Amino acid sequence: MISQQHHQLGPADPAGPPILQVRGLRKVFKIRSEGSRRTENLVAVDGVSFDLPPSGSLGIVGESGSGKTTVARIIAGLEQPSAGTVLVGGSPLARRRRRRRRRVQMVFQDPYSSLDPRQTILAGLDEVLRLHTKSGKSGRRARALELLHQVGLDERHENLRPRSLSGGQRQRVAIARALACGPEVLILDEAVSALDVSVQGQVLNLLAELRTQIQVAYLFVSHDLAVVQQVTDDTIVMHRGRVVEAGPTDAILTSPADDYTRRLLAAVPRPGWKPSRRADGG
């Protein structure tokens, strides 16, 4: 079945391996039935394999419970797999949390919960830079301001706290924090789903711009196919823990091969939206 295959997505890199290689990923949760001492196995991820090329952008789509977020959390080190391997740059991810975080970062759905409400924006960025770089205070501040400019903010925001920012601004700060340690893979888990549609577009445009400026690969987890089309080159579709379809995003959205993918497309709630090939080719 396609869910058990290894999916080579994007052009092969003759200079080396894909930046991210996932092989045979499986995750089983032990759950206890209500009112019973018996435990049952819940297979959340079952035999997922794929490659992500350097600076590539891969979407993982599916309904709630499809296993997409569990895959992302395993790659980020927030869950341990029951079986399978994850390689970054051809090497297993370090078990030490600090070293893993330097290579893989994650941006979550709710930016407010991922930011310390007591810290100013500058203090939050400085904390990451102190942990992952050897720069002095002035060097860290210069880098923090550079990161703010990269995400469309500036010096006017550095002494503000998260509560003083809009939802879109908070998500920009979360992206800046994730990029502060120079990751090779950035996981975005429903990163724009909590934002208004107009603000979503601004953040998606920002992500597209950042991808042309810095060498980072995106793993974009979403239930929204209209969003995925804007920011990904390739897509895998997950259903009940397995990959049911994989390939170039435009091809999947314009000519889906699997019935489940067709149902997802039919459920897109945006009036007037229909899959269309992007002029920039990706």
C-alpha atoms as a PDB file:
ATOM      1  CA  MET A   1       0.000   0.000   0.000  1.00  0.00           C
ATOM      2  CA  ILE A   2       1.123   3.581  -0.566  1.00  0.00           C
ATOM      3  CA  SER A   3       1.192   4.261   3.164  1.00  0.00           C
ATOM      4  CA  GLN A   4       4.038   1.807   3.595  1.00  0.00           C
ATOM      5  CA  GLN A   5       6.166   3.204   0.778  1.00  0.00           C
ATOM      6  CA  HIS A   6       9.103   5.576   0.962  1.00  0.00           C
ATOM      7  CA  HIS A   7       8.116   8.854  -0.691  1.00  0.00           C
ATOM      8  CA  GLN A   8      10.925  10.740  -2.461  1.00  0.00           C
ATOM      9  CA  LEU A   9       9.477  14.239  -2.697  1.00  0.00           C
ATOM     10  CA  GLY A  10      11.077  17.060  -4.624  1.00  0.00           C
ATOM     11  CA  PRO A  11      14.191  16.895  -6.792  1.00  0.00           C
ATOM     12  CA  ALA A  12      17.030  14.649  -5.696  1.00  0.00           C
ATOM     13  CA  ASP A  13      20.019  16.495  -4.223  1.00  0.00           C
ATOM     14  CA  PRO A  14      23.215  15.260  -5.879  1.00  0.00           C
ATOM     15  CA  ALA A  15      25.352  16.930  -3.205  1.00  0.00           C
ATOM     16  CA  GLY A  16      23.988  14.845  -0.361  1.00  0.00           C
ATOM     17  CA  PRO A  17      20.944  13.310   1.303  1.00  0.00           C
ATOM     18  CA  PRO A  18      17.585  15.023   1.851  1.00  0.00           C
ATOM     19  CA  ILE A  19      17.631  17.317   4.847  1.00  0.00           C
ATOM     20  CA  LEU A  20      14.894  15.235   6.500  1.00  0.00           C
ATOM     21  CA  GLN A  21      14.396  11.488   6.100  1.00  0.00           C
ATOM     22  CA  VAL A  22      11.537   9.714   7.875  1.00  0.00           C
ATOM     23  CA  ARG A  23      11.472   5.923   7.673  1.00  0.00           C
ATOM     24  CA  GLY A  24       8.790   3.515   8.904  1.00  0.00           C
ATOM     25  CA  LEU A  25       7.498   5.874  11.569  1.00  0.00           C
ATOM     26  CA  ARG A  26       5.024   4.254  13.943  1.00  0.00           C
ATOM     27  CA  LYS A  27       3.442   5.497  17.148  1.00  0.00           C
ATOM     28  CA  VAL A  28       1.201   3.453  19.426  1.00  0.00           C
ATOM     29  CA  PHE A  29      -0.491   5.027  22.437  1.00  0.00           C
ATOM     30  CA  LYS A  30      -1.724   3.007  25.379  1.00  0.00           C
ATOM     31  CA  ILE A  31      -5.220   4.162  26.304  1.00  0.00           C
ATOM     32  CA  ARG A  32      -7.442   3.047  29.151  1.00  0.00           C
ATOM     33  CA  SER A  33     -11.127   2.525  28.514  1.00  0.00           C
ATOM     34  CA  GLU A  34     -13.411   4.642  30.669  1.00  0.00           C
ATOM     35  CA  GLY A  35     -14.481   2.730  33.770  1.00  0.00           C
ATOM     36  CA  SER A  36     -12.039  -0.093  33.060  1.00  0.00           C
ATOM     37  CA  ARG A  37      -8.499  -1.006  34.076  1.00  0.00           C
ATOM     38  CA  ARG A  38      -7.810  -2.578  30.705  1.00  0.00           C
ATOM     39  CA  THR A  39      -5.591  -0.731  28.253  1.00  0.00           C
ATOM     40  CA  GLU A  40      -5.867  -0.820  24.497  1.00  0.00           C
ATOM     41  CA  ASN A  41      -3.439   0.087  21.756  1.00  0.00           C
ATOM     42  CA  LEU A  42      -4.252   3.135  19.657  1.00  0.00           C
ATOM     43  CA  VAL A  43      -2.133   3.233  16.498  1.00  0.00           C
ATOM     44  CA  ALA A  44      -1.748   6.944  15.752  1.00  0.00           C
ATOM     45  CA  VAL A  45       0.972   6.646  13.076  1.00  0.00           C
ATOM     46  CA  ASP A  46       1.508   3.514  11.020  1.00  0.00           C
ATOM     47  CA  GLY A  47       4.483   3.091   8.684  1.00  0.00           C
ATOM     48  CA  VAL A  48       4.965   6.693   7.531  1.00  0.00           C
ATOM     49  CA  SER A  49       8.033   7.339   5.347  1.00  0.00           C
ATOM     50  CA  PHE A  50       9.045  10.387   3.316  1.00  0.00           C
ATOM     51  CA  ASP A  51      11.961  12.635   2.336  1.00  0.00           C
ATOM     52  CA  LEU A  52      12.156  16.424   2.497  1.00  0.00           C
ATOM     53  CA  PRO A  53      14.815  18.065   0.292  1.00  0.00           C
ATOM     54  CA  PRO A  54      16.996  20.933   1.554  1.00  0.00           C
ATOM     55  CA  SER A  55      15.023  24.201   1.561  1.00  0.00           C
ATOM     56  CA  GLY A  56      11.972  22.207   0.418  1.00  0.00           C
ATOM     57  CA  SER A  57       8.439  22.676   1.661  1.00  0.00           C
ATOM     58  CA  LEU A  58       6.240  19.679   2.447  1.00  0.00           C
ATOM     59  CA  GLY A  59       2.618  19.738   3.538  1.00  0.00           C
ATOM     60  CA  ILE A  60       1.100  17.053   5.752  1.00  0.00           C
ATOM     61  CA  VAL A  61      -2.675  17.220   5.496  1.00  0.00           C
ATOM     62  CA  GLY A  62      -5.551  15.289   6.977  1.00  0.00           C
ATOM     63  CA  GLU A  63      -8.498  15.574   9.307  1.00  0.00           C
ATOM     64  CA  SER A  64      -8.201  15.738  13.077  1.00  0.00           C
ATOM     65  CA  GLY A  65      -7.003  12.343  14.280  1.00  0.00           C
ATOM     66  CA  SER A  66      -5.243  11.474  11.030  1.00  0.00           C
ATOM     67  CA  GLY A  67      -1.845  11.337  12.764  1.00  0.00           C
ATOM     68  CA  LYS A  68      -0.303  14.382  11.103  1.00  0.00           C
ATOM     69  CA  THR A  69       0.428  16.284  14.317  1.00  0.00           C
ATOM     70  CA  THR A  70       1.844  13.163  15.960  1.00  0.00           C
ATOM     71  CA  VAL A  71       4.320  12.833  13.072  1.00  0.00           C
ATOM     72  CA  ALA A  72       5.327  16.476  13.562  1.00  0.00           C
ATOM     73  CA  ARG A  73       5.738  16.059  17.330  1.00  0.00           C
ATOM     74  CA  ILE A  74       7.942  12.995  16.854  1.00  0.00           C
ATOM     75  CA  ILE A  75      10.203  14.874  14.436  1.00  0.00           C
ATOM     76  CA  ALA A  76      10.374  17.793  16.893  1.00  0.00           C
ATOM     77  CA  GLY A  77      11.265  15.432  19.751  1.00  0.00           C
ATOM     78  CA  LEU A  78       8.065  16.036  21.709  1.00  0.00           C
ATOM     79  CA  GLU A  79       7.010  12.388  21.301  1.00  0.00           C
ATOM     80  CA  GLN A  80       9.115   9.234  21.070  1.00  0.00           C
ATOM     81  CA  PRO A  81       8.285   6.869  18.187  1.00  0.00           C
ATOM     82  CA  SER A  82       7.301   3.273  18.851  1.00  0.00           C
ATOM     83  CA  ALA A  83       9.305   2.329  15.747  1.00  0.00           C
ATOM     84  CA  GLY A  84      11.040   3.999  12.826  1.00  0.00           C
ATOM     85  CA  THR A  85      13.811   6.546  12.356  1.00  0.00           C
ATOM     86  CA  VAL A  86      14.172  10.278  11.756  1.00  0.00           C
ATOM     87  CA  LEU A  87      17.361  11.601  10.137  1.00  0.00           C
ATOM     88  CA  VAL A  88      18.332  15.251   9.662  1.00  0.00           C
ATOM     89  CA  GLY A  89      21.163  15.801   7.204  1.00  0.00           C
ATOM     90  CA  GLY A  90      21.705  12.043   7.121  1.00  0.00           C
ATOM     91  CA  SER A  91      22.261  11.777  10.893  1.00  0.00           C
ATOM     92  CA  PRO A  92      19.923  10.645  13.675  1.00  0.00           C
ATOM     93  CA  LEU A  93      18.555  13.501  15.726  1.00  0.00           C
ATOM     94  CA  ALA A  94      20.413  13.973  18.997  1.00  0.00           C
ATOM     95  CA  ARG A  95      18.572  12.964  22.127  1.00  0.00           C
ATOM     96  CA  ARG A  96      19.912  16.049  23.890  1.00  0.00           C
ATOM     97  CA  ARG A  97      17.106  18.565  23.657  1.00  0.00           C
ATOM     98  CA  ARG A  98      19.317  21.613  23.046  1.00  0.00           C
ATOM     99  CA  ARG A  99      21.158  20.029  20.137  1.00  0.00           C
ATOM    100  CA  ARG A 100      17.912  18.772  18.597  1.00  0.00           C
ATOM    101  CA  ARG A 101      16.318  22.217  18.898  1.00  0.00           C
ATOM    102  CA  ARG A 102      19.164  23.791  16.962  1.00  0.00           C
ATOM    103  CA  ARG A 103      18.317  21.581  13.975  1.00  0.00           C
ATOM    104  CA  VAL A 104      14.507  21.350  14.203  1.00  0.00           C
ATOM    105  CA  GLN A 105      12.136  24.034  15.476  1.00  0.00           C
ATOM    106  CA  MET A 106       8.360  24.068  15.733  1.00  0.00           C
ATOM    107  CA  VAL A 107       5.799  26.885  15.482  1.00  0.00           C
ATOM    108  CA  PHE A 108       2.479  26.048  17.126  1.00  0.00           C
ATOM    109  CA  GLN A 109      -1.125  26.952  16.384  1.00  0.00           C
ATOM    110  CA  ASP A 110      -1.599  29.328  19.325  1.00  0.00           C
ATOM    111  CA  PRO A 111       1.223  31.902  19.404  1.00  0.00           C
ATOM    112  CA  TYR A 112       0.067  33.358  22.722  1.00  0.00           C
ATOM    113  CA  SER A 113       0.505  30.077  24.588  1.00  0.00           C
ATOM    114  CA  SER A 114       3.972  29.537  23.088  1.00  0.00           C
ATOM    115  CA  LEU A 115       5.289  32.946  24.242  1.00  0.00           C
ATOM    116  CA  ASP A 116       6.115  33.875  27.845  1.00  0.00           C
ATOM    117  CA  PRO A 117       3.573  36.606  28.759  1.00  0.00           C
ATOM    118  CA  ARG A 118       6.045  38.095  31.290  1.00  0.00           C
ATOM    119  CA  GLN A 119       8.843  38.625  28.766  1.00  0.00           C
ATOM    120  CA  THR A 120       9.258  41.467  26.346  1.00  0.00           C
ATOM    121  CA  ILE A 121       9.739  40.422  22.731  1.00  0.00           C
ATOM    122  CA  LEU A 122      13.431  41.353  22.900  1.00  0.00           C
ATOM    123  CA  ALA A 123      13.966  39.385  26.126  1.00  0.00           C
ATOM    124  CA  GLY A 124      12.363  36.298  24.595  1.00  0.00           C
ATOM    125  CA  LEU A 125      14.623  36.434  21.534  1.00  0.00           C
ATOM    126  CA  ASP A 126      17.670  37.134  23.695  1.00  0.00           C
ATOM    127  CA  GLU A 127      16.920  34.030  25.781  1.00  0.00           C
ATOM    128  CA  VAL A 128      17.056  31.811  22.689  1.00  0.00           C
ATOM    129  CA  LEU A 129      20.219  33.489  21.381  1.00  0.00           C
ATOM    130  CA  ARG A 130      21.999  33.129  24.747  1.00  0.00           C
ATOM    131  CA  LEU A 131      21.172  29.435  24.755  1.00  0.00           C
ATOM    132  CA  HIS A 132      22.243  28.664  21.196  1.00  0.00           C
ATOM    133  CA  THR A 133      24.945  31.213  20.292  1.00  0.00           C
ATOM    134  CA  LYS A 134      28.154  32.594  21.776  1.00  0.00           C
ATOM    135  CA  SER A 135      27.352  36.212  20.933  1.00  0.00           C
ATOM    136  CA  GLY A 136      27.741  38.972  23.498  1.00  0.00           C
ATOM    137  CA  LYS A 137      24.922  41.243  24.601  1.00  0.00           C
ATOM    138  CA  SER A 138      25.318  43.776  21.779  1.00  0.00           C
ATOM    139  CA  GLY A 139      25.639  41.025  19.181  1.00  0.00           C
ATOM    140  CA  ARG A 140      22.506  39.322  20.482  1.00  0.00           C
ATOM    141  CA  ARG A 141      20.507  42.542  20.361  1.00  0.00           C
ATOM    142  CA  ALA A 142      21.645  43.202  16.798  1.00  0.00           C
ATOM    143  CA  ARG A 143      20.625  39.682  15.809  1.00  0.00           C
ATOM    144  CA  ALA A 144      17.272  40.004  17.629  1.00  0.00           C
ATOM    145  CA  LEU A 145      16.489  43.210  15.730  1.00  0.00           C
ATOM    146  CA  GLU A 146      17.523  41.526  12.480  1.00  0.00           C
ATOM    147  CA  LEU A 147      15.077  38.698  13.218  1.00  0.00           C
ATOM    148  CA  LEU A 148      12.285  41.176  13.988  1.00  0.00           C
ATOM    149  CA  HIS A 149      12.887  42.936  10.671  1.00  0.00           C
ATOM    150  CA  GLN A 150      12.882  39.597   8.869  1.00  0.00           C
ATOM    151  CA  VAL A 151       9.367  38.843  10.132  1.00  0.00           C
ATOM    152  CA  GLY A 152       8.005  42.323   9.405  1.00  0.00           C
ATOM    153  CA  LEU A 153       8.385  43.897  12.871  1.00  0.00           C
ATOM    154  CA  ASP A 154      10.866  46.501  14.144  1.00  0.00           C
ATOM    155  CA  GLU A 155      12.285  48.376  17.143  1.00  0.00           C
ATOM    156  CA  ARG A 156       8.821  49.622  18.106  1.00  0.00           C
ATOM    157  CA  HIS A 157       7.908  46.073  19.136  1.00  0.00           C
ATOM    158  CA  GLU A 158      11.013  45.014  21.065  1.00  0.00           C
ATOM    159  CA  ASN A 159       9.862  46.218  24.499  1.00  0.00           C
ATOM    160  CA  LEU A 160       6.264  45.085  24.135  1.00  0.00           C
ATOM    161  CA  ARG A 161       4.826  41.957  25.732  1.00  0.00           C
ATOM    162  CA  PRO A 162       2.699  39.388  23.866  1.00  0.00           C
ATOM    163  CA  ARG A 163      -0.591  40.761  25.232  1.00  0.00           C
ATOM    164  CA  SER A 164       0.118  44.072  23.476  1.00  0.00           C
ATOM    165  CA  LEU A 165       0.429  42.431  20.054  1.00  0.00           C
ATOM    166  CA  SER A 166      -2.197  41.263  17.592  1.00  0.00           C
ATOM    167  CA  GLY A 167      -2.550  37.562  16.777  1.00  0.00           C
ATOM    168  CA  GLY A 168      -0.640  37.983  13.535  1.00  0.00           C
ATOM    169  CA  GLN A 169       2.157  39.902  15.255  1.00  0.00           C
ATOM    170  CA  ARG A 170       2.440  37.229  17.955  1.00  0.00           C
ATOM    171  CA  GLN A 171       2.774  34.543  15.296  1.00  0.00           C
ATOM    172  CA  ARG A 172       5.509  36.606  13.610  1.00  0.00           C
ATOM    173  CA  VAL A 173       7.354  36.726  16.934  1.00  0.00           C
ATOM    174  CA  ALA A 174       6.939  32.960  17.337  1.00  0.00           C
ATOM    175  CA  ILE A 175       8.460  32.482  13.869  1.00  0.00           C
ATOM    176  CA  ALA A 176      11.350  34.814  14.748  1.00  0.00           C
ATOM    177  CA  ARG A 177      12.045  32.833  17.943  1.00  0.00           C
ATOM    178  CA  ALA A 178      11.990  29.571  16.002  1.00  0.00           C
ATOM    179  CA  LEU A 179      14.483  30.941  13.474  1.00  0.00           C
ATOM    180  CA  ALA A 180      16.800  32.432  16.119  1.00  0.00           C
ATOM    181  CA  CYS A 181      18.920  29.291  16.496  1.00  0.00           C
ATOM    182  CA  GLY A 182      19.249  28.718  12.743  1.00  0.00           C
ATOM    183  CA  PRO A 183      17.253  25.477  12.321  1.00  0.00           C
ATOM    184  CA  GLU A 184      17.488  23.318   9.218  1.00  0.00           C
ATOM    185  CA  VAL A 185      13.836  22.239   9.474  1.00  0.00           C
ATOM    186  CA  LEU A 186      10.950  24.441  10.607  1.00  0.00           C
ATOM    187  CA  ILE A 187       7.733  22.622  11.533  1.00  0.00           C
ATOM    188  CA  LEU A 188       4.580  24.731  11.324  1.00  0.00           C
ATOM    189  CA  ASP A 189       1.698  22.954  13.048  1.00  0.00           C
ATOM    190  CA  GLU A 190      -1.578  24.634  12.009  1.00  0.00           C
ATOM    191  CA  ALA A 191       0.442  27.844  12.318  1.00  0.00           C
ATOM    192  CA  VAL A 192      -2.137  30.120  10.680  1.00  0.00           C
ATOM    193  CA  SER A 193      -5.407  28.354  11.514  1.00  0.00           C
ATOM    194  CA  ALA A 194      -6.097  30.601  14.544  1.00  0.00           C
ATOM    195  CA  LEU A 195      -5.738  33.792  12.466  1.00  0.00           C
ATOM    196  CA  ASP A 196      -8.260  35.713  10.386  1.00  0.00           C
ATOM    197  CA  VAL A 197      -8.131  34.855   6.692  1.00  0.00           C
ATOM    198  CA  SER A 198      -6.609  38.227   5.748  1.00  0.00           C
ATOM    199  CA  VAL A 199      -3.912  37.848   8.409  1.00  0.00           C
ATOM    200  CA  GLN A 200      -3.311  34.260   7.296  1.00  0.00           C
ATOM    201  CA  GLY A 201      -2.419  35.572   3.860  1.00  0.00           C
ATOM    202  CA  GLN A 202       0.093  38.020   5.322  1.00  0.00           C
ATOM    203  CA  VAL A 203       1.813  35.326   7.388  1.00  0.00           C
ATOM    204  CA  LEU A 204       1.855  32.887   4.465  1.00  0.00           C
ATOM    205  CA  ASN A 205       3.433  35.554   2.253  1.00  0.00           C
ATOM    206  CA  LEU A 206       6.014  36.136   4.984  1.00  0.00           C
ATOM    207  CA  LEU A 207       6.854  32.424   5.103  1.00  0.00           C
ATOM    208  CA  ALA A 208       7.287  32.358   1.321  1.00  0.00           C
ATOM    209  CA  GLU A 209       9.646  35.355   1.500  1.00  0.00           C
ATOM    210  CA  LEU A 210      11.675  33.865   4.350  1.00  0.00           C
ATOM    211  CA  ARG A 211      12.145  30.661   2.425  1.00  0.00           C
ATOM    212  CA  THR A 212      13.867  32.566  -0.391  1.00  0.00           C
ATOM    213  CA  GLN A 213      16.107  34.410   2.089  1.00  0.00           C
ATOM    214  CA  ILE A 214      17.316  31.651   4.404  1.00  0.00           C
ATOM    215  CA  GLN A 215      18.234  27.984   3.997  1.00  0.00           C
ATOM    216  CA  VAL A 216      15.434  26.293   5.910  1.00  0.00           C
ATOM    217  CA  ALA A 217      13.004  23.528   4.968  1.00  0.00           C
ATOM    218  CA  TYR A 218       9.327  23.728   5.939  1.00  0.00           C
ATOM    219  CA  LEU A 219       7.153  20.915   7.224  1.00  0.00           C
ATOM    220  CA  PHE A 220       3.681  22.446   7.116  1.00  0.00           C
ATOM    221  CA  VAL A 221       0.970  20.571   9.031  1.00  0.00           C
ATOM    222  CA  SER A 222      -2.576  21.632   8.239  1.00  0.00           C
ATOM    223  CA  HIS A 223      -6.142  20.506   7.600  1.00  0.00           C
ATOM    224  CA  ASP A 224      -6.614  23.429   5.189  1.00  0.00           C
ATOM    225  CA  LEU A 225      -5.758  22.525   1.599  1.00  0.00           C
ATOM    226  CA  ALA A 226      -6.161  26.124   0.440  1.00  0.00           C
ATOM    227  CA  VAL A 227      -3.403  27.134   2.861  1.00  0.00           C
ATOM    228  CA  VAL A 228      -1.147  24.226   1.942  1.00  0.00           C
ATOM    229  CA  GLN A 229      -1.331  25.136  -1.730  1.00  0.00           C
ATOM    230  CA  GLN A 230       0.218  28.549  -1.048  1.00  0.00           C
ATOM    231  CA  VAL A 231       3.327  27.416   0.810  1.00  0.00           C
ATOM    232  CA  THR A 232       4.291  23.853  -0.149  1.00  0.00           C
ATOM    233  CA  ASP A 233       5.974  22.143  -3.087  1.00  0.00           C
ATOM    234  CA  ASP A 234       4.885  18.636  -2.124  1.00  0.00           C
ATOM    235  CA  THR A 235       2.167  17.131   0.039  1.00  0.00           C
ATOM    236  CA  ILE A 236       1.396  13.879   1.789  1.00  0.00           C
ATOM    237  CA  VAL A 237      -2.195  13.106   2.736  1.00  0.00           C
ATOM    238  CA  MET A 238      -2.738  11.148   5.942  1.00  0.00           C
ATOM    239  CA  HIS A 239      -5.790   9.147   7.009  1.00  0.00           C
ATOM    240  CA  ARG A 240      -5.993   7.005  10.147  1.00  0.00           C
ATOM    241  CA  GLY A 241      -2.239   7.127  10.683  1.00  0.00           C
ATOM    242  CA  ARG A 242      -1.218   6.200   7.143  1.00  0.00           C
ATOM    243  CA  VAL A 243      -0.170   8.063   4.022  1.00  0.00           C
ATOM    244  CA  VAL A 244      -2.839   7.548   1.369  1.00  0.00           C
ATOM    245  CA  GLU A 245      -1.429   9.902  -1.265  1.00  0.00           C
ATOM    246  CA  ALA A 246       1.835  11.753  -1.876  1.00  0.00           C
ATOM    247  CA  GLY A 247       3.271  13.947  -4.600  1.00  0.00           C
ATOM    248  CA  PRO A 248       3.550  17.534  -5.888  1.00  0.00           C
ATOM    249  CA  THR A 249       1.007  19.746  -4.144  1.00  0.00           C
ATOM    250  CA  ASP A 250      -0.529  21.147  -7.322  1.00  0.00           C
ATOM    251  CA  ALA A 251      -0.963  17.671  -8.797  1.00  0.00           C
ATOM    252  CA  ILE A 252      -2.662  16.360  -5.656  1.00  0.00           C
ATOM    253  CA  LEU A 253      -5.014  19.331  -5.471  1.00  0.00           C
ATOM    254  CA  THR A 254      -5.933  19.364  -9.171  1.00  0.00           C
ATOM    255  CA  SER A 255      -5.991  15.596  -9.821  1.00  0.00           C
ATOM    256  CA  PRO A 256      -6.343  13.712  -6.527  1.00  0.00           C
ATOM    257  CA  ALA A 257      -5.955   9.950  -6.894  1.00  0.00           C
ATOM    258  CA  ASP A 258      -7.471   8.890  -3.562  1.00  0.00           C
ATOM    259  CA  ASP A 259     -11.137   9.127  -2.547  1.00  0.00           C
ATOM    260  CA  TYR A 260     -10.156  10.509   0.864  1.00  0.00           C
ATOM    261  CA  THR A 261      -8.210  13.377  -0.750  1.00  0.00           C
ATOM    262  CA  ARG A 262     -11.214  14.143  -2.942  1.00  0.00           C
ATOM    263  CA  ARG A 263     -13.406  14.329   0.165  1.00  0.00           C
ATOM    264  CA  LEU A 264     -10.955  16.743   1.798  1.00  0.00           C
ATOM    265  CA  LEU A 265     -11.047  18.955  -1.282  1.00  0.00           C
ATOM    266  CA  ALA A 266     -14.839  18.897  -1.335  1.00  0.00           C
ATOM    267  CA  ALA A 267     -14.877  20.034   2.305  1.00  0.00           C
ATOM    268  CA  VAL A 268     -12.779  23.192   1.751  1.00  0.00           C
ATOM    269  CA  PRO A 269     -15.023  25.874   3.325  1.00  0.00           C
ATOM    270  CA  ARG A 270     -13.735  28.958   1.508  1.00  0.00           C
ATOM    271  CA  PRO A 271     -16.309  30.401  -0.921  1.00  0.00           C
ATOM    272  CA  GLY A 272     -15.013  30.526  -4.461  1.00  0.00           C
ATOM    273  CA  TRP A 273     -11.774  28.646  -3.705  1.00  0.00           C
ATOM    274  CA  LYS A 274     -10.611  26.078  -6.182  1.00  0.00           C
ATOM    275  CA  PRO A 275      -7.178  24.516  -6.740  1.00  0.00           C
ATOM    276  CA  SER A 276      -5.092  26.382  -9.294  1.00  0.00           C
ATOM    277  CA  ARG A 277      -1.482  26.225 -10.338  1.00  0.00           C
ATOM    278  CA  ARG A 278       0.621  29.001  -8.868  1.00  0.00           C
ATOM    279  CA  ALA A 279       2.354  31.310 -11.298  1.00  0.00           C
ATOM    280  CA  ASP A 280       5.672  30.972  -9.485  1.00  0.00           C
ATOM    281  CA  GLY A 281       5.580  27.195  -9.802  1.00  0.00           C
ATOM    282  CA  GLY A 282       5.824  26.663  -6.062  1.00  0.00           C
END
